[in-house]
Amino acid sequence: MNSSPKKRDSLGFTVRFVCGAVAGILIGIGFWMPETIAGVLITGLISGVACGLLAAFWGDRFWEMLSSFLR
């Protein structure tokens, strides 16, 4: 058996990050509905980066948890 840690490919990481970030931006702004432009930018940035990183590192586990949270 190979006990070396699993290597991450940069293309897969980037795709998962971008998809997670887009979902995070939409969900963040949709849930909190900020009233100012600054609120929209801050909420979108924070939720986008957080969801992007979670999706990039956790992959399908992140999408399963998000799906069960949104039901």
Protein backbone atom coordinates (compact mmCIF):
# COMPACT_ATOMS: atom_id res chain seq x y z
CA MET A 1 0.00 0.00 0.00
CA ASN A 2 1.11 3.52 -0.67
CA SER A 3 1.15 5.56 2.54
CA SER A 4 2.25 8.83 0.95
CA PRO A 5 -0.15 11.76 1.28
CA LYS A 6 -2.46 12.45 -1.64
CA LYS A 7 -1.13 15.18 -3.93
CA ARG A 8 -3.44 17.96 -4.99
CA ASP A 9 -3.51 19.00 -8.62
CA SER A 10 -3.64 22.73 -9.23
CA LEU A 11 -6.39 22.60 -11.87
CA GLY A 12 -8.73 20.58 -9.66
CA PHE A 13 -8.03 22.86 -6.70
CA THR A 14 -8.72 25.96 -8.80
CA VAL A 15 -11.98 24.60 -10.24
CA ARG A 16 -13.26 23.57 -6.81
CA PHE A 17 -12.23 26.92 -5.32
CA VAL A 18 -13.96 28.98 -8.03
CA CYS A 19 -17.19 26.94 -7.86
CA GLY A 20 -17.21 27.16 -4.07
CA ALA A 21 -16.50 30.88 -4.15
CA VAL A 22 -19.35 31.58 -6.57
CA ALA A 23 -21.74 29.52 -4.46
CA GLY A 24 -20.48 31.25 -1.31
CA ILE A 25 -21.02 34.71 -2.75
CA LEU A 26 -24.56 33.90 -3.84
CA ILE A 27 -25.47 32.20 -0.57
CA GLY A 28 -23.83 34.87 1.58
CA ILE A 29 -25.56 37.76 -0.11
CA GLY A 30 -28.85 35.84 -0.36
CA PHE A 31 -28.97 34.94 3.34
CA TRP A 32 -27.91 38.25 4.86
CA MET A 33 -29.26 40.69 2.24
CA PRO A 34 -26.91 43.56 3.14
CA GLU A 35 -28.37 47.02 2.61
CA THR A 36 -25.26 48.91 1.53
CA ILE A 37 -22.75 48.38 -1.25
CA ALA A 38 -19.98 47.99 1.33
CA GLY A 39 -22.05 45.32 3.09
CA VAL A 40 -22.55 43.45 -0.17
CA LEU A 41 -18.83 43.56 -0.96
CA ILE A 42 -17.72 42.51 2.52
CA THR A 43 -20.31 39.75 2.81
CA GLY A 44 -19.55 38.48 -0.69
CA LEU A 45 -15.81 38.54 -0.11
CA ILE A 46 -15.88 36.76 3.24
CA SER A 47 -18.42 34.11 2.28
CA GLY A 48 -16.83 33.62 -1.15
CA VAL A 49 -13.33 33.05 0.21
CA ALA A 50 -14.58 30.82 3.04
CA CYS A 51 -16.72 28.61 0.81
CA GLY A 52 -14.06 28.57 -1.89
CA LEU A 53 -11.40 27.29 0.48
CA LEU A 54 -13.73 24.76 2.08
CA ALA A 55 -14.77 23.43 -1.33
CA ALA A 56 -11.16 23.30 -2.53
CA PHE A 57 -9.87 21.36 0.46
CA TRP A 58 -12.89 19.19 1.36
CA GLY A 59 -14.26 18.59 -2.14
CA ASP A 60 -17.43 16.49 -2.23
CA ARG A 61 -17.75 16.47 1.57
CA PHE A 62 -18.24 20.25 1.48
CA TRP A 63 -20.98 20.01 -1.17
CA GLU A 64 -22.77 17.25 0.76
CA MET A 65 -22.71 19.31 3.97
CA LEU A 66 -23.86 22.43 2.14
CA SER A 67 -26.67 20.49 0.48
CA SER A 68 -27.91 19.09 3.77
CA PHE A 69 -27.66 22.56 5.38
CA LEU A 70 -29.76 24.18 2.66
CA ARG A 71 -32.56 21.59 2.77
